[in-house]
């Protein structure tokens, strides 16, 4: 357990960062699920809009180190592959 003032502060900061990273990861999963549903249904407009939001969210998460840049590239590649099925 944290013994010093600085350690207690770092625990608070780490928890805040963990929750922020979790928000990014959760929204990426949600948009990806919506994209898959749109592609399955054949809804081109909804799929394109969702892909745009998803790509933006992935880029923001990578820029803020919530996910690794290689992970972001892989996810964006999968988005493009899904869109090409339409």
PDB file of N, CA and C in Angstrom:
ATOM      1  N   UNK A   1       0.845  -1.186   0.000  1.00  0.00           N
ATOM      2  CA  UNK A   1       0.000   0.000   0.000  1.00  0.00           C
ATOM      3  C   UNK A   1       0.885   1.243   0.000  1.00  0.00           C
ATOM      4  N   UNK A   2       0.305   2.324  -0.482  1.00  0.00           N
ATOM      5  CA  UNK A   2       1.060   3.567  -0.579  1.00  0.00           C
ATOM      6  C   UNK A   2       1.382   4.119   0.802  1.00  0.00           C
ATOM      7  N   UNK A   3       2.645   4.472   1.006  1.00  0.00           N
ATOM      8  CA  UNK A   3       3.087   4.983   2.303  1.00  0.00           C
ATOM      9  C   UNK A   3       3.326   6.479   2.299  1.00  0.00           C
ATOM     10  N   UNK A   4       3.682   7.021   1.147  1.00  0.00           N
ATOM     11  CA  UNK A   4       4.000   8.444   1.100  1.00  0.00           C
ATOM     12  C   UNK A   4       2.909   9.209   0.357  1.00  0.00           C
ATOM     13  N   UNK A   5       2.957  10.504   0.495  1.00  0.00           N
ATOM     14  CA  UNK A   5       1.976  11.370  -0.158  1.00  0.00           C
ATOM     15  C   UNK A   5       2.043  11.211  -1.682  1.00  0.00           C
ATOM     16  N   UNK A   6       3.258  11.142  -2.209  1.00  0.00           N
ATOM     17  CA  UNK A   6       3.431  11.014  -3.654  1.00  0.00           C
ATOM     18  C   UNK A   6       2.891   9.676  -4.164  1.00  0.00           C
ATOM     19  N   UNK A   7       3.096   8.613  -3.404  1.00  0.00           N
ATOM     20  CA  UNK A   7       2.577   7.313  -3.812  1.00  0.00           C
ATOM     21  C   UNK A   7       1.053   7.308  -3.828  1.00  0.00           C
ATOM     22  N   UNK A   8       0.446   7.956  -2.847  1.00  0.00           N
ATOM     23  CA  UNK A   8      -1.019   8.033  -2.821  1.00  0.00           C
ATOM     24  C   UNK A   8      -1.531   8.810  -4.030  1.00  0.00           C
ATOM     25  N   UNK A   9      -0.822   9.866  -4.381  1.00  0.00           N
ATOM     26  CA  UNK A   9      -1.205  10.662  -5.550  1.00  0.00           C
ATOM     27  C   UNK A   9      -1.082   9.828  -6.829  1.00  0.00           C
ATOM     28  N   UNK A  10      -0.006   9.075  -6.947  1.00  0.00           N
ATOM     29  CA  UNK A  10       0.186   8.243  -8.137  1.00  0.00           C
ATOM     30  C   UNK A  10      -0.903   7.183  -8.250  1.00  0.00           C
ATOM     31  N   UNK A  11      -1.362   6.653  -7.115  1.00  0.00           N
ATOM     32  CA  UNK A  11      -2.455   5.680  -7.129  1.00  0.00           C
ATOM     33  C   UNK A  11      -3.716   6.333  -7.689  1.00  0.00           C
ATOM     34  N   UNK A  12      -3.996   7.562  -7.246  1.00  0.00           N
ATOM     35  CA  UNK A  12      -5.173   8.287  -7.750  1.00  0.00           C
ATOM     36  C   UNK A  12      -5.055   8.548  -9.252  1.00  0.00           C
ATOM     37  N   UNK A  13      -3.878   8.975  -9.674  1.00  0.00           N
ATOM     38  CA  UNK A  13      -3.664   9.279 -11.089  1.00  0.00           C
ATOM     39  C   UNK A  13      -3.787   8.016 -11.934  1.00  0.00           C
ATOM     40  N   UNK A  14      -3.198   6.927 -11.465  1.00  0.00           N
ATOM     41  CA  UNK A  14      -3.247   5.672 -12.208  1.00  0.00           C
ATOM     42  C   UNK A  14      -4.684   5.185 -12.359  1.00  0.00           C
ATOM     43  N   UNK A  15      -5.470   5.339 -11.314  1.00  0.00           N
ATOM     44  CA  UNK A  15      -6.867   4.917 -11.386  1.00  0.00           C
ATOM     45  C   UNK A  15      -7.637   5.781 -12.385  1.00  0.00           C
ATOM     46  N   UNK A  16      -7.396   7.077 -12.368  1.00  0.00           N
ATOM     47  CA  UNK A  16      -8.060   7.983 -13.305  1.00  0.00           C
ATOM     48  C   UNK A  16      -7.672   7.637 -14.748  1.00  0.00           C
ATOM     49  N   UNK A  17      -6.396   7.354 -14.981  1.00  0.00           N
ATOM     50  CA  UNK A  17      -5.934   6.998 -16.322  1.00  0.00           C
ATOM     51  C   UNK A  17      -6.518   5.658 -16.771  1.00  0.00           C
ATOM     52  N   UNK A  18      -6.612   4.715 -15.840  1.00  0.00           N
ATOM     53  CA  UNK A  18      -7.161   3.405 -16.171  1.00  0.00           C
ATOM     54  C   UNK A  18      -8.612   3.533 -16.626  1.00  0.00           C
ATOM     55  N   UNK A  19      -9.390   4.362 -15.927  1.00  0.00           N
ATOM     56  CA  UNK A  19     -10.789   4.556 -16.304  1.00  0.00           C
ATOM     57  C   UNK A  19     -10.914   5.251 -17.658  1.00  0.00           C
ATOM     58  N   UNK A  20     -10.039   6.201 -17.918  1.00  0.00           N
ATOM     59  CA  UNK A  20     -10.058   6.896 -19.211  1.00  0.00           C
ATOM     60  C   UNK A  20      -9.725   5.924 -20.340  1.00  0.00           C
ATOM     61  N   UNK A  21      -8.713   5.084 -20.131  1.00  0.00           N
ATOM     62  CA  UNK A  21      -8.354   4.083 -21.134  1.00  0.00           C
ATOM     63  C   UNK A  21      -9.495   3.099 -21.341  1.00  0.00           C
ATOM     64  N   UNK A  22     -10.165   2.738 -20.263  1.00  0.00           N
ATOM     65  CA  UNK A  22     -11.288   1.810 -20.347  1.00  0.00           C
ATOM     66  C   UNK A  22     -12.421   2.407 -21.171  1.00  0.00           C
ATOM     67  N   UNK A  23     -12.652   3.716 -21.024  1.00  0.00           N
ATOM     68  CA  UNK A  23     -13.698   4.378 -21.818  1.00  0.00           C
ATOM     69  C   UNK A  23     -13.387   4.275 -23.308  1.00  0.00           C
ATOM     70  N   UNK A  24     -12.139   4.525 -23.677  1.00  0.00           N
ATOM     71  CA  UNK A  24     -11.763   4.425 -25.084  1.00  0.00           C
ATOM     72  C   UNK A  24     -11.956   3.005 -25.602  1.00  0.00           C
ATOM     73  N   UNK A  25     -11.467   2.028 -24.863  1.00  0.00           N
ATOM     74  CA  UNK A  25     -11.558   0.642 -25.306  1.00  0.00           C
ATOM     75  C   UNK A  25     -13.008   0.193 -25.423  1.00  0.00           C
ATOM     76  N   UNK A  26     -13.835   0.616 -24.482  1.00  0.00           N
ATOM     77  CA  UNK A  26     -15.241   0.246 -24.503  1.00  0.00           C
ATOM     78  C   UNK A  26     -15.957   0.853 -25.702  1.00  0.00           C
ATOM     79  N   UNK A  27     -15.689   2.116 -25.983  1.00  0.00           N
ATOM     80  CA  UNK A  27     -16.353   2.755 -27.117  1.00  0.00           C
ATOM     81  C   UNK A  27     -15.880   2.149 -28.437  1.00  0.00           C
ATOM     82  N   UNK A  28     -14.621   1.746 -28.512  1.00  0.00           N
ATOM     83  CA  UNK A  28     -14.122   1.081 -29.717  1.00  0.00           C
ATOM     84  C   UNK A  28     -14.874  -0.223 -29.934  1.00  0.00           C
ATOM     85  N   UNK A  29     -15.049  -0.999 -28.877  1.00  0.00           N
ATOM     86  CA  UNK A  29     -15.777  -2.264 -28.992  1.00  0.00           C
ATOM     87  C   UNK A  29     -17.220  -2.030 -29.413  1.00  0.00           C
ATOM     88  N   UNK A  30     -17.848  -1.000 -28.845  1.00  0.00           N
ATOM     89  CA  UNK A  30     -19.239  -0.699 -29.172  1.00  0.00           C
ATOM     90  C   UNK A  30     -19.384  -0.306 -30.633  1.00  0.00           C
ATOM     91  N   UNK A  31     -18.524   0.590 -31.116  1.00  0.00           N
ATOM     92  CA  UNK A  31     -18.583   1.003 -32.519  1.00  0.00           C
ATOM     93  C   UNK A  31     -18.290  -0.171 -33.448  1.00  0.00           C
ATOM     94  N   UNK A  32     -17.378  -1.041 -33.053  1.00  0.00           N
ATOM     95  CA  UNK A  32     -17.043  -2.193 -33.886  1.00  0.00           C
ATOM     96  C   UNK A  32     -18.241  -3.131 -33.998  1.00  0.00           C
ATOM     97  N   UNK A  33     -18.943  -3.318 -32.884  1.00  0.00           N
ATOM     98  CA  UNK A  33     -20.142  -4.150 -32.889  1.00  0.00           C
ATOM     99  C   UNK A  33     -21.211  -3.541 -33.806  1.00  0.00           C
ATOM    100  N   UNK A  34     -21.396  -2.224 -33.716  1.00  0.00           N
ATOM    101  CA  UNK A  34     -22.373  -1.541 -34.578  1.00  0.00           C
ATOM    102  C   UNK A  34     -21.984  -1.661 -36.046  1.00  0.00           C
ATOM    103  N   UNK A  35     -20.689  -1.561 -36.328  1.00  0.00           N
ATOM    104  CA  UNK A  35     -20.223  -1.680 -37.705  1.00  0.00           C
ATOM    105  C   UNK A  35     -20.517  -3.068 -38.254  1.00  0.00           C
ATOM    106  N   UNK A  36     -20.235  -4.093 -37.469  1.00  0.00           N
ATOM    107  CA  UNK A  36     -20.513  -5.459 -37.913  1.00  0.00           C
ATOM    108  C   UNK A  36     -21.998  -5.650 -38.185  1.00  0.00           C
ATOM    109  N   UNK A  37     -22.847  -5.115 -37.311  1.00  0.00           N
ATOM    110  CA  UNK A  37     -24.289  -5.231 -37.497  1.00  0.00           C
ATOM    111  C   UNK A  37     -24.734  -4.508 -38.766  1.00  0.00           C
ATOM    112  N   UNK A  38     -24.178  -3.334 -39.024  1.00  0.00           N
ATOM    113  CA  UNK A  38     -24.537  -2.567 -40.220  1.00  0.00           C
ATOM    114  C   UNK A  38     -24.107  -3.298 -41.486  1.00  0.00           C
ATOM    115  N   UNK A  39     -22.923  -3.872 -41.461  1.00  0.00           N
ATOM    116  CA  UNK A  39     -22.427  -4.600 -42.628  1.00  0.00           C
ATOM    117  C   UNK A  39     -23.273  -5.841 -42.864  1.00  0.00           C
ATOM    118  N   UNK A  40     -23.626  -6.536 -41.797  1.00  0.00           N
ATOM    119  CA  UNK A  40     -24.457  -7.730 -41.925  1.00  0.00           C
ATOM    120  C   UNK A  40     -25.823  -7.381 -42.502  1.00  0.00           C
ATOM    121  N   UNK A  41     -26.376  -6.251 -42.060  1.00  0.00           N
ATOM    122  CA  UNK A  41     -27.687  -5.815 -42.545  1.00  0.00           C
ATOM    123  C   UNK A  41     -27.602  -5.206 -43.940  1.00  0.00           C
ATOM    124  N   UNK A  42     -26.405  -4.861 -44.391  1.00  0.00           N
ATOM    125  CA  UNK A  42     -26.232  -4.269 -45.706  1.00  0.00           C
ATOM    126  C   UNK A  42     -26.532  -2.784 -45.750  1.00  0.00           C
ATOM    127  N   UNK A  43     -26.528  -2.134 -44.612  1.00  0.00           N
ATOM    128  CA  UNK A  43     -26.821  -0.705 -44.516  1.00  0.00           C
ATOM    129  C   UNK A  43     -25.537   0.093 -44.765  1.00  0.00           C
ATOM    130  N   UNK A  44     -25.356   0.545 -45.993  1.00  0.00           N
ATOM    131  CA  UNK A  44     -24.116   1.211 -46.390  1.00  0.00           C
ATOM    132  C   UNK A  44     -23.905   2.540 -45.671  1.00  0.00           C
ATOM    133  N   UNK A  45     -24.972   3.338 -45.569  1.00  0.00           N
ATOM    134  CA  UNK A  45     -24.840   4.660 -44.949  1.00  0.00           C
ATOM    135  C   UNK A  45     -24.465   4.555 -43.476  1.00  0.00           C
ATOM    136  N   UNK A  46     -25.162   3.688 -42.752  1.00  0.00           N
ATOM    137  CA  UNK A  46     -24.877   3.522 -41.327  1.00  0.00           C
ATOM    138  C   UNK A  46     -23.474   2.956 -41.120  1.00  0.00           C
ATOM    139  N   UNK A  47     -23.074   2.034 -41.982  1.00  0.00           N
ATOM    140  CA  UNK A  47     -21.746   1.434 -41.865  1.00  0.00           C
ATOM    141  C   UNK A  47     -20.658   2.478 -42.099  1.00  0.00           C
ATOM    142  N   UNK A  48     -20.857   3.335 -43.085  1.00  0.00           N
ATOM    143  CA  UNK A  48     -19.857   4.362 -43.381  1.00  0.00           C
ATOM    144  C   UNK A  48     -19.744   5.363 -42.234  1.00  0.00           C
ATOM    145  N   UNK A  49     -20.873   5.764 -41.679  1.00  0.00           N
ATOM    146  CA  UNK A  49     -20.871   6.717 -40.564  1.00  0.00           C
ATOM    147  C   UNK A  49     -20.212   6.105 -39.325  1.00  0.00           C
ATOM    148  N   UNK A  50     -20.547   4.857 -39.040  1.00  0.00           N
ATOM    149  CA  UNK A  50     -19.966   4.174 -37.886  1.00  0.00           C
ATOM    150  C   UNK A  50     -18.466   3.976 -38.074  1.00  0.00           C
ATOM    151  N   UNK A  51     -18.056   3.631 -39.289  1.00  0.00           N
ATOM    152  CA  UNK A  51     -16.632   3.439 -39.567  1.00  0.00           C
ATOM    153  C   UNK A  51     -15.861   4.737 -39.366  1.00  0.00           C
ATOM    154  N   UNK A  52     -16.463   5.848 -39.745  1.00  0.00           N
ATOM    155  CA  UNK A  52     -15.813   7.147 -39.564  1.00  0.00           C
ATOM    156  C   UNK A  52     -15.608   7.442 -38.082  1.00  0.00           C
ATOM    157  N   UNK A  53     -16.654   7.216 -37.281  1.00  0.00           N
ATOM    158  CA  UNK A  53     -16.550   7.443 -35.835  1.00  0.00           C
ATOM    159  C   UNK A  53     -15.546   6.484 -35.201  1.00  0.00           C
ATOM    160  N   UNK A  54     -15.586   5.230 -35.650  1.00  0.00           N
ATOM    161  CA  UNK A  54     -14.693   4.215 -35.098  1.00  0.00           C
ATOM    162  C   UNK A  54     -13.235   4.549 -35.396  1.00  0.00           C
ATOM    163  N   UNK A  55     -12.944   4.928 -36.617  1.00  0.00           N
ATOM    164  CA  UNK A  55     -11.573   5.278 -36.988  1.00  0.00           C
ATOM    165  C   UNK A  55     -11.073   6.465 -36.175  1.00  0.00           C
ATOM    166  N   UNK A  56     -11.941   7.452 -35.988  1.00  0.00           N
ATOM    167  CA  UNK A  56     -11.573   8.622 -35.193  1.00  0.00           C
ATOM    168  C   UNK A  56     -11.276   8.234 -33.747  1.00  0.00           C
ATOM    169  N   UNK A  57     -12.120   7.388 -33.180  1.00  0.00           N
ATOM    170  CA  UNK A  57     -11.930   6.949 -31.797  1.00  0.00           C
ATOM    171  C   UNK A  57     -10.648   6.139 -31.647  1.00  0.00           C
ATOM    172  N   UNK A  58     -10.370   5.286 -32.620  1.00  0.00           N
ATOM    173  CA  UNK A  58      -9.142   4.485 -32.585  1.00  0.00           C
ATOM    174  C   UNK A  58      -7.915   5.397 -32.626  1.00  0.00           C
ATOM    175  N   UNK A  59      -7.954   6.401 -33.501  1.00  0.00           N
ATOM    176  CA  UNK A  59      -6.824   7.332 -33.599  1.00  0.00           C
ATOM    177  C   UNK A  59      -6.616   8.104 -32.299  1.00  0.00           C
ATOM    178  N   UNK A  60      -7.712   8.554 -31.684  1.00  0.00           N
ATOM    179  CA  UNK A  60      -7.602   9.284 -30.422  1.00  0.00           C
ATOM    180  C   UNK A  60      -7.031   8.392 -29.326  1.00  0.00           C
ATOM    181  N   UNK A  61      -7.483   7.139 -29.275  1.00  0.00           N
ATOM    182  CA  UNK A  61      -6.996   6.214 -28.255  1.00  0.00           C
ATOM    183  C   UNK A  61      -5.504   5.949 -28.435  1.00  0.00           C
ATOM    184  N   UNK A  62      -5.071   5.808 -29.674  1.00  0.00           N
ATOM    185  CA  UNK A  62      -3.650   5.571 -29.936  1.00  0.00           C
ATOM    186  C   UNK A  62      -2.824   6.811 -29.601  1.00  0.00           C
ATOM    187  N   UNK A  63      -3.357   7.984 -29.896  1.00  0.00           N
ATOM    188  CA  UNK A  63      -2.629   9.219 -29.607  1.00  0.00           C
ATOM    189  C   UNK A  63      -2.460   9.425 -28.109  1.00  0.00           C
ATOM    190  N   UNK A  64      -3.417   8.962 -27.338  1.00  0.00           N
ATOM    191  CA  UNK A  64      -3.359   9.129 -25.881  1.00  0.00           C
ATOM    192  C   UNK A  64      -2.806   7.888 -25.178  1.00  0.00           C
ATOM    193  N   UNK A  65      -2.235   6.965 -25.966  1.00  0.00           N
ATOM    194  CA  UNK A  65      -1.606   5.743 -25.448  1.00  0.00           C
ATOM    195  C   UNK A  65      -2.566   4.847 -24.682  1.00  0.00           C
ATOM    196  N   UNK A  66      -3.852   4.899 -25.009  1.00  0.00           N
ATOM    197  CA  UNK A  66      -4.799   3.962 -24.416  1.00  0.00           C
ATOM    198  C   UNK A  66      -4.631   2.596 -25.069  1.00  0.00           C
ATOM    199  N   UNK A  67      -4.266   2.601 -26.360  1.00  0.00           N
ATOM    200  CA  UNK A  67      -3.925   1.374 -27.072  1.00  0.00           C
ATOM    201  C   UNK A  67      -2.621   1.627 -27.826  1.00  0.00           C
ATOM    202  N   UNK A  68      -1.920   0.559 -28.146  1.00  0.00           N
ATOM    203  CA  UNK A  68      -0.654   0.668 -28.858  1.00  0.00           C
ATOM    204  C   UNK A  68      -0.916   1.044 -30.313  1.00  0.00           C
ATOM    205  N   UNK A  69       0.029   1.698 -30.937  1.00  0.00           N
ATOM    206  CA  UNK A  69      -0.161   2.150 -32.317  1.00  0.00           C
ATOM    207  C   UNK A  69      -0.326   0.980 -33.282  1.00  0.00           C
ATOM    208  N   UNK A  70       0.366  -0.132 -33.031  1.00  0.00           N
ATOM    209  CA  UNK A  70       0.192  -1.315 -33.880  1.00  0.00           C
ATOM    210  C   UNK A  70      -1.210  -1.891 -33.721  1.00  0.00           C
ATOM    211  N   UNK A  71      -1.719  -1.873 -32.500  1.00  0.00           N
ATOM    212  CA  UNK A  71      -3.078  -2.333 -32.239  1.00  0.00           C
ATOM    213  C   UNK A  71      -4.071  -1.448 -32.992  1.00  0.00           C
ATOM    214  N   UNK A  72      -3.844  -0.151 -32.988  1.00  0.00           N
ATOM    215  CA  UNK A  72      -4.720   0.778 -33.699  1.00  0.00           C
ATOM    216  C   UNK A  72      -4.684   0.503 -35.200  1.00  0.00           C
ATOM    217  N   UNK A  73      -3.503   0.268 -35.735  1.00  0.00           N
ATOM    218  CA  UNK A  73      -3.372  -0.011 -37.165  1.00  0.00           C
ATOM    219  C   UNK A  73      -4.105  -1.293 -37.531  1.00  0.00           C
ATOM    220  N   UNK A  74      -3.994  -2.302 -36.693  1.00  0.00           N
ATOM    221  CA  UNK A  74      -4.672  -3.574 -36.945  1.00  0.00           C
ATOM    222  C   UNK A  74      -6.187  -3.394 -36.933  1.00  0.00           C
ATOM    223  N   UNK A  75      -6.688  -2.644 -35.956  1.00  0.00           N
ATOM    224  CA  UNK A  75      -8.131  -2.406 -35.868  1.00  0.00           C
ATOM    225  C   UNK A  75      -8.636  -1.622 -37.077  1.00  0.00           C
ATOM    226  N   UNK A  76      -7.886  -0.606 -37.501  1.00  0.00           N
ATOM    227  CA  UNK A  76      -8.298   0.189 -38.657  1.00  0.00           C
ATOM    228  C   UNK A  76      -8.273  -0.649 -39.931  1.00  0.00           C
ATOM    229  N   UNK A  77      -7.340  -1.572 -40.022  1.00  0.00           N
ATOM    230  CA  UNK A  77      -7.284  -2.471 -41.164  1.00  0.00           C
ATOM    231  C   UNK A  77      -8.518  -3.368 -41.200  1.00  0.00           C
ATOM    232  N   UNK A  78      -8.941  -3.827 -40.045  1.00  0.00           N
ATOM    233  CA  UNK A  78     -10.140  -4.663 -39.970  1.00  0.00           C
ATOM    234  C   UNK A  78     -11.389  -3.874 -40.342  1.00  0.00           C
ATOM    235  N   UNK A  79     -11.424  -2.607 -39.952  1.00  0.00           N
ATOM    236  CA  UNK A  79     -12.551  -1.747 -40.322  1.00  0.00           C
ATOM    237  C   UNK A  79     -12.616  -1.616 -41.842  1.00  0.00           C
ATOM    238  N   UNK A  80     -11.485  -1.359 -42.471  1.00  0.00           N
ATOM    239  CA  UNK A  80     -11.444  -1.207 -43.923  1.00  0.00           C
ATOM    240  C   UNK A  80     -11.862  -2.499 -44.616  1.00  0.00           C
ATOM    241  N   UNK A  81     -11.427  -3.624 -44.074  1.00  0.00           N
ATOM    242  CA  UNK A  81     -11.788  -4.910 -44.666  1.00  0.00           C
ATOM    243  C   UNK A  81     -13.286  -5.160 -44.562  1.00  0.00           C
ATOM    244  N   UNK A  82     -13.882  -4.793 -43.415  1.00  0.00           N
ATOM    245  CA  UNK A  82     -15.330  -4.940 -43.260  1.00  0.00           C
ATOM    246  C   UNK A  82     -16.081  -4.050 -44.246  1.00  0.00           C
ATOM    247  N   UNK A  83     -15.617  -2.815 -44.410  1.00  0.00           N
ATOM    248  CA  UNK A  83     -16.292  -1.892 -45.329  1.00  0.00           C
ATOM    249  C   UNK A  83     -16.199  -2.364 -46.775  1.00  0.00           C
ATOM    250  N   UNK A  84     -15.121  -3.037 -47.122  1.00  0.00           N
ATOM    251  CA  UNK A  84     -14.963  -3.501 -48.498  1.00  0.00           C
ATOM    252  C   UNK A  84     -15.942  -4.623 -48.835  1.00  0.00           C
ATOM    253  N   UNK A  85     -16.559  -5.223 -47.834  1.00  0.00           N
ATOM    254  CA  UNK A  85     -17.536  -6.290 -48.073  1.00  0.00           C
ATOM    255  C   UNK A  85     -18.868  -5.748 -48.576  1.00  0.00           C
ATOM    256  N   UNK A  86     -19.085  -4.448 -48.418  1.00  0.00           N
ATOM    257  CA  UNK A  86     -20.358  -3.855 -48.861  1.00  0.00           C
ATOM    258  C   UNK A  86     -20.385  -3.645 -50.353  1.00  0.00           C
TER     259      UNK A  86
END
